[in-house]
Amino acid sequence: MSKTKYICLCCGHVFDEPTNRYNRRWSDSDDSEPCCPNCGSDDIEEGMVCRICEEVRREEDMIGQVCKDCLNKSVTFGNALRYGAERKGLVEISGFLHWIFSDEEIESILLQKLQESSPEWRKRMTEEYLTDDKWDFADFLEEKGVEE
């Protein structure tokens, strides 16, 4: 089990334990407030560790257990093919064509046509496909890892 990490929203410092600061300016009590050991700010929150890069990030910078930076870097044609292979789609096709070609041959023909398409179109389709359900893609990356 990993230890909780904290991140300072003021200076960006990542740390294991906040320090305690006594604020006597507004209170006569001995109440302390947790603060950043680097800059003393009390604007801190628990961070989340990205399962890909293992950096501590704010919760709002995460999609599931993967940071948005790693998710965006993983939007590649190769990862689209890997992700798509795990999440098969159903297609209705002419019975005649299916009788002539095996499933593997049909997939090979379609992949060849895709690779013949313009790089700009292929890039746009890759981005749209992988970001259509960012949460599921993040789960896939966490489970299967990233391929460059």
C-alpha atoms as a PDB file:
ATOM      1  CA  MET A   1       0.000   0.000   0.000  1.00  0.00           C
ATOM      2  CA  SER A   2       1.457   3.326  -1.005  1.00  0.00           C
ATOM      3  CA  LYS A   3       1.859   6.112   1.494  1.00  0.00           C
ATOM      4  CA  THR A   4      -0.260   9.233   1.146  1.00  0.00           C
ATOM      5  CA  LYS A   5       1.461  12.103  -0.606  1.00  0.00           C
ATOM      6  CA  TYR A   6       0.493  15.741  -0.402  1.00  0.00           C
ATOM      7  CA  ILE A   7       0.923  18.550  -2.866  1.00  0.00           C
ATOM      8  CA  CYS A   8       1.095  22.265  -2.151  1.00  0.00           C
ATOM      9  CA  LEU A   9      -1.195  24.238  -4.426  1.00  0.00           C
ATOM     10  CA  CYS A  10       0.889  27.349  -3.824  1.00  0.00           C
ATOM     11  CA  CYS A  11       4.427  26.196  -4.671  1.00  0.00           C
ATOM     12  CA  GLY A  12       3.827  22.707  -6.169  1.00  0.00           C
ATOM     13  CA  HIS A  13       6.008  20.982  -3.563  1.00  0.00           C
ATOM     14  CA  VAL A  14       5.230  17.274  -3.036  1.00  0.00           C
ATOM     15  CA  PHE A  15       5.737  15.885   0.456  1.00  0.00           C
ATOM     16  CA  ASP A  16       4.872  12.970   2.733  1.00  0.00           C
ATOM     17  CA  GLU A  17       3.635  14.827   5.795  1.00  0.00           C
ATOM     18  CA  PRO A  18       2.481  18.404   6.260  1.00  0.00           C
ATOM     19  CA  THR A  19       4.001  20.432   9.041  1.00  0.00           C
ATOM     20  CA  ASN A  20       1.797  22.050  11.632  1.00  0.00           C
ATOM     21  CA  ARG A  21       1.576  25.772  11.965  1.00  0.00           C
ATOM     22  CA  TYR A  22      -0.013  27.501  14.876  1.00  0.00           C
ATOM     23  CA  ASN A  23      -1.989  30.512  13.854  1.00  0.00           C
ATOM     24  CA  ARG A  24      -2.258  32.836  16.845  1.00  0.00           C
ATOM     25  CA  ARG A  25      -3.134  35.853  14.704  1.00  0.00           C
ATOM     26  CA  TRP A  26      -6.788  34.913  14.495  1.00  0.00           C
ATOM     27  CA  SER A  27      -7.140  32.552  17.443  1.00  0.00           C
ATOM     28  CA  ASP A  28      -5.979  32.287  21.029  1.00  0.00           C
ATOM     29  CA  SER A  29      -6.247  28.492  20.903  1.00  0.00           C
ATOM     30  CA  ASP A  30      -3.427  26.079  20.370  1.00  0.00           C
ATOM     31  CA  ASP A  31      -5.117  24.740  17.245  1.00  0.00           C
ATOM     32  CA  SER A  32      -2.691  24.090  14.461  1.00  0.00           C
ATOM     33  CA  GLU A  33      -3.274  23.786  10.763  1.00  0.00           C
ATOM     34  CA  PRO A  34      -1.387  21.520   8.374  1.00  0.00           C
ATOM     35  CA  CYS A  35       0.820  23.370   5.936  1.00  0.00           C
ATOM     36  CA  CYS A  36       3.488  22.919   3.296  1.00  0.00           C
ATOM     37  CA  PRO A  37       6.936  22.296   4.777  1.00  0.00           C
ATOM     38  CA  ASN A  38       8.467  24.203   1.844  1.00  0.00           C
ATOM     39  CA  CYS A  39       6.569  27.496   1.740  1.00  0.00           C
ATOM     40  CA  GLY A  40       4.281  27.351   4.780  1.00  0.00           C
ATOM     41  CA  SER A  41       1.036  27.648   2.791  1.00  0.00           C
ATOM     42  CA  ASP A  42      -2.023  25.893   4.164  1.00  0.00           C
ATOM     43  CA  ASP A  43      -3.334  25.478   0.603  1.00  0.00           C
ATOM     44  CA  ILE A  44      -2.482  21.768   0.355  1.00  0.00           C
ATOM     45  CA  GLU A  45      -4.326  18.651  -0.728  1.00  0.00           C
ATOM     46  CA  GLU A  46      -3.731  14.942  -0.969  1.00  0.00           C
ATOM     47  CA  GLY A  47      -2.126  14.052  -4.260  1.00  0.00           C
ATOM     48  CA  MET A  48      -2.673  11.041  -6.469  1.00  0.00           C
ATOM     49  CA  VAL A  49       0.145   8.998  -7.961  1.00  0.00           C
ATOM     50  CA  CYS A  50      -0.080   8.393 -11.710  1.00  0.00           C
ATOM     51  CA  ARG A  51       0.218   4.685 -12.483  1.00  0.00           C
ATOM     52  CA  ILE A  52       2.184   5.456 -15.642  1.00  0.00           C
ATOM     53  CA  CYS A  53       4.761   8.137 -14.742  1.00  0.00           C
ATOM     54  CA  GLU A  54       4.442   7.676 -10.942  1.00  0.00           C
ATOM     55  CA  GLU A  55       4.376  11.435 -10.369  1.00  0.00           C
ATOM     56  CA  VAL A  56       2.104  12.963  -7.753  1.00  0.00           C
ATOM     57  CA  ARG A  57      -0.673  15.026  -9.290  1.00  0.00           C
ATOM     58  CA  ARG A  58      -3.761  16.892  -8.178  1.00  0.00           C
ATOM     59  CA  GLU A  59      -6.989  14.921  -8.425  1.00  0.00           C
ATOM     60  CA  GLU A  60      -8.285  17.327 -11.087  1.00  0.00           C
ATOM     61  CA  ASP A  61      -5.232  16.462 -13.229  1.00  0.00           C
ATOM     62  CA  MET A  62      -6.107  12.760 -13.248  1.00  0.00           C
ATOM     63  CA  ILE A  63      -8.391  10.520 -15.261  1.00  0.00           C
ATOM     64  CA  GLY A  64      -8.820   7.512 -13.034  1.00  0.00           C
ATOM     65  CA  GLN A  65      -5.307   6.498 -11.966  1.00  0.00           C
ATOM     66  CA  VAL A  66      -3.561   8.091 -14.983  1.00  0.00           C
ATOM     67  CA  CYS A  67      -2.535  11.743 -15.224  1.00  0.00           C
ATOM     68  CA  LYS A  68      -3.845  13.778 -18.145  1.00  0.00           C
ATOM     69  CA  ASP A  69      -0.289  14.315 -19.445  1.00  0.00           C
ATOM     70  CA  CYS A  70       0.357  10.564 -19.710  1.00  0.00           C
ATOM     71  CA  LEU A  71      -3.069  10.001 -21.207  1.00  0.00           C
ATOM     72  CA  ASN A  72      -2.435  12.647 -23.882  1.00  0.00           C
ATOM     73  CA  LYS A  73       1.040  11.256 -24.656  1.00  0.00           C
ATOM     74  CA  SER A  74      -0.537   7.810 -25.091  1.00  0.00           C
ATOM     75  CA  VAL A  75      -2.908   8.924 -27.856  1.00  0.00           C
ATOM     76  CA  THR A  76      -0.995   7.149 -30.611  1.00  0.00           C
ATOM     77  CA  PHE A  77      -1.957   5.035 -33.600  1.00  0.00           C
ATOM     78  CA  GLY A  78      -0.250   2.003 -32.024  1.00  0.00           C
ATOM     79  CA  ASN A  79      -2.209   2.397 -28.797  1.00  0.00           C
ATOM     80  CA  ALA A  80      -5.435   2.855 -30.790  1.00  0.00           C
ATOM     81  CA  LEU A  81      -4.791  -0.493 -32.481  1.00  0.00           C
ATOM     82  CA  ARG A  82      -4.002  -2.185 -29.139  1.00  0.00           C
ATOM     83  CA  TYR A  83      -7.020  -0.626 -27.422  1.00  0.00           C
ATOM     84  CA  GLY A  84      -9.298  -1.514 -30.339  1.00  0.00           C
ATOM     85  CA  ALA A  85      -8.083  -5.117 -30.336  1.00  0.00           C
ATOM     86  CA  GLU A  86      -9.242  -5.398 -26.730  1.00  0.00           C
ATOM     87  CA  ARG A  87     -12.611  -3.773 -27.428  1.00  0.00           C
ATOM     88  CA  LYS A  88     -13.975  -5.483 -30.498  1.00  0.00           C
ATOM     89  CA  GLY A  89     -16.776  -3.843 -32.434  1.00  0.00           C
ATOM     90  CA  LEU A  90     -19.541  -5.681 -34.214  1.00  0.00           C
ATOM     91  CA  VAL A  91     -19.944  -5.096 -37.924  1.00  0.00           C
ATOM     92  CA  GLU A  92     -22.527  -6.471 -40.279  1.00  0.00           C
ATOM     93  CA  ILE A  93     -20.973  -7.459 -43.573  1.00  0.00           C
ATOM     94  CA  SER A  94     -22.188  -9.137 -46.708  1.00  0.00           C
ATOM     95  CA  GLY A  95     -22.492 -12.850 -46.181  1.00  0.00           C
ATOM     96  CA  PHE A  96     -20.800 -13.376 -49.538  1.00  0.00           C
ATOM     97  CA  LEU A  97     -17.744 -11.321 -48.507  1.00  0.00           C
ATOM     98  CA  HIS A  98     -17.596 -13.072 -45.148  1.00  0.00           C
ATOM     99  CA  TRP A  99     -17.821 -16.421 -46.931  1.00  0.00           C
ATOM    100  CA  ILE A 100     -14.878 -15.465 -49.175  1.00  0.00           C
ATOM    101  CA  PHE A 101     -12.694 -13.760 -46.529  1.00  0.00           C
ATOM    102  CA  SER A 102     -11.886 -14.870 -42.995  1.00  0.00           C
ATOM    103  CA  ASP A 103     -12.237 -12.439 -40.077  1.00  0.00           C
ATOM    104  CA  GLU A 104      -8.456 -12.047 -40.056  1.00  0.00           C
ATOM    105  CA  GLU A 105      -8.368 -11.271 -43.789  1.00  0.00           C
ATOM    106  CA  ILE A 106     -11.152  -8.704 -43.444  1.00  0.00           C
ATOM    107  CA  GLU A 107      -9.288  -7.019 -40.575  1.00  0.00           C
ATOM    108  CA  SER A 108      -6.065  -7.043 -42.600  1.00  0.00           C
ATOM    109  CA  ILE A 109      -7.797  -5.453 -45.623  1.00  0.00           C
ATOM    110  CA  LEU A 110      -9.346  -2.739 -43.431  1.00  0.00           C
ATOM    111  CA  LEU A 111      -6.033  -2.045 -41.675  1.00  0.00           C
ATOM    112  CA  GLN A 112      -4.318  -1.708 -45.057  1.00  0.00           C
ATOM    113  CA  LYS A 113      -6.959   0.816 -46.181  1.00  0.00           C
ATOM    114  CA  LEU A 114      -6.521   2.715 -42.920  1.00  0.00           C
ATOM    115  CA  GLN A 115      -2.761   2.898 -43.392  1.00  0.00           C
ATOM    116  CA  GLU A 116      -3.295   4.212 -46.937  1.00  0.00           C
ATOM    117  CA  SER A 117      -5.398   7.096 -45.599  1.00  0.00           C
ATOM    118  CA  SER A 118      -3.925  10.554 -45.054  1.00  0.00           C
ATOM    119  CA  PRO A 119      -1.804  10.951 -41.916  1.00  0.00           C
ATOM    120  CA  GLU A 120      -3.911  13.933 -40.822  1.00  0.00           C
ATOM    121  CA  TRP A 121      -7.166  11.990 -41.050  1.00  0.00           C
ATOM    122  CA  ARG A 122      -5.630   8.946 -39.313  1.00  0.00           C
ATOM    123  CA  LYS A 123      -4.316  11.183 -36.505  1.00  0.00           C
ATOM    124  CA  ARG A 124      -7.701  12.851 -36.063  1.00  0.00           C
ATOM    125  CA  MET A 125      -9.512   9.484 -35.974  1.00  0.00           C
ATOM    126  CA  THR A 126      -6.968   8.128 -33.483  1.00  0.00           C
ATOM    127  CA  GLU A 127      -7.481  11.125 -31.182  1.00  0.00           C
ATOM    128  CA  GLU A 128     -11.272  10.976 -31.434  1.00  0.00           C
ATOM    129  CA  TYR A 129     -11.368   7.224 -30.806  1.00  0.00           C
ATOM    130  CA  LEU A 130      -9.036   7.226 -27.804  1.00  0.00           C
ATOM    131  CA  THR A 131     -10.584  10.289 -26.166  1.00  0.00           C
ATOM    132  CA  ASP A 132     -14.206   9.243 -26.732  1.00  0.00           C
ATOM    133  CA  ASP A 133     -14.146   7.472 -23.349  1.00  0.00           C
ATOM    134  CA  LYS A 134     -11.066   8.785 -21.529  1.00  0.00           C
ATOM    135  CA  TRP A 135     -11.931   6.851 -18.366  1.00  0.00           C
ATOM    136  CA  ASP A 136     -11.972   3.503 -20.174  1.00  0.00           C
ATOM    137  CA  PHE A 137      -8.788   4.329 -22.084  1.00  0.00           C
ATOM    138  CA  ALA A 138      -7.092   5.313 -18.800  1.00  0.00           C
ATOM    139  CA  ASP A 139      -8.160   1.966 -17.294  1.00  0.00           C
ATOM    140  CA  PHE A 140      -6.738   0.198 -20.349  1.00  0.00           C
ATOM    141  CA  LEU A 141      -3.400   2.026 -19.993  1.00  0.00           C
ATOM    142  CA  GLU A 142      -3.243   1.219 -16.305  1.00  0.00           C
ATOM    143  CA  GLU A 143      -3.934  -2.449 -16.981  1.00  0.00           C
ATOM    144  CA  LYS A 144      -1.934  -3.006 -20.185  1.00  0.00           C
ATOM    145  CA  GLY A 145       0.729  -0.310 -19.957  1.00  0.00           C
ATOM    146  CA  VAL A 146       1.804   2.207 -22.547  1.00  0.00           C
ATOM    147  CA  GLU A 147       3.355   1.316 -25.858  1.00  0.00           C
ATOM    148  CA  GLU A 148       5.400   4.054 -27.504  1.00  0.00           C
END
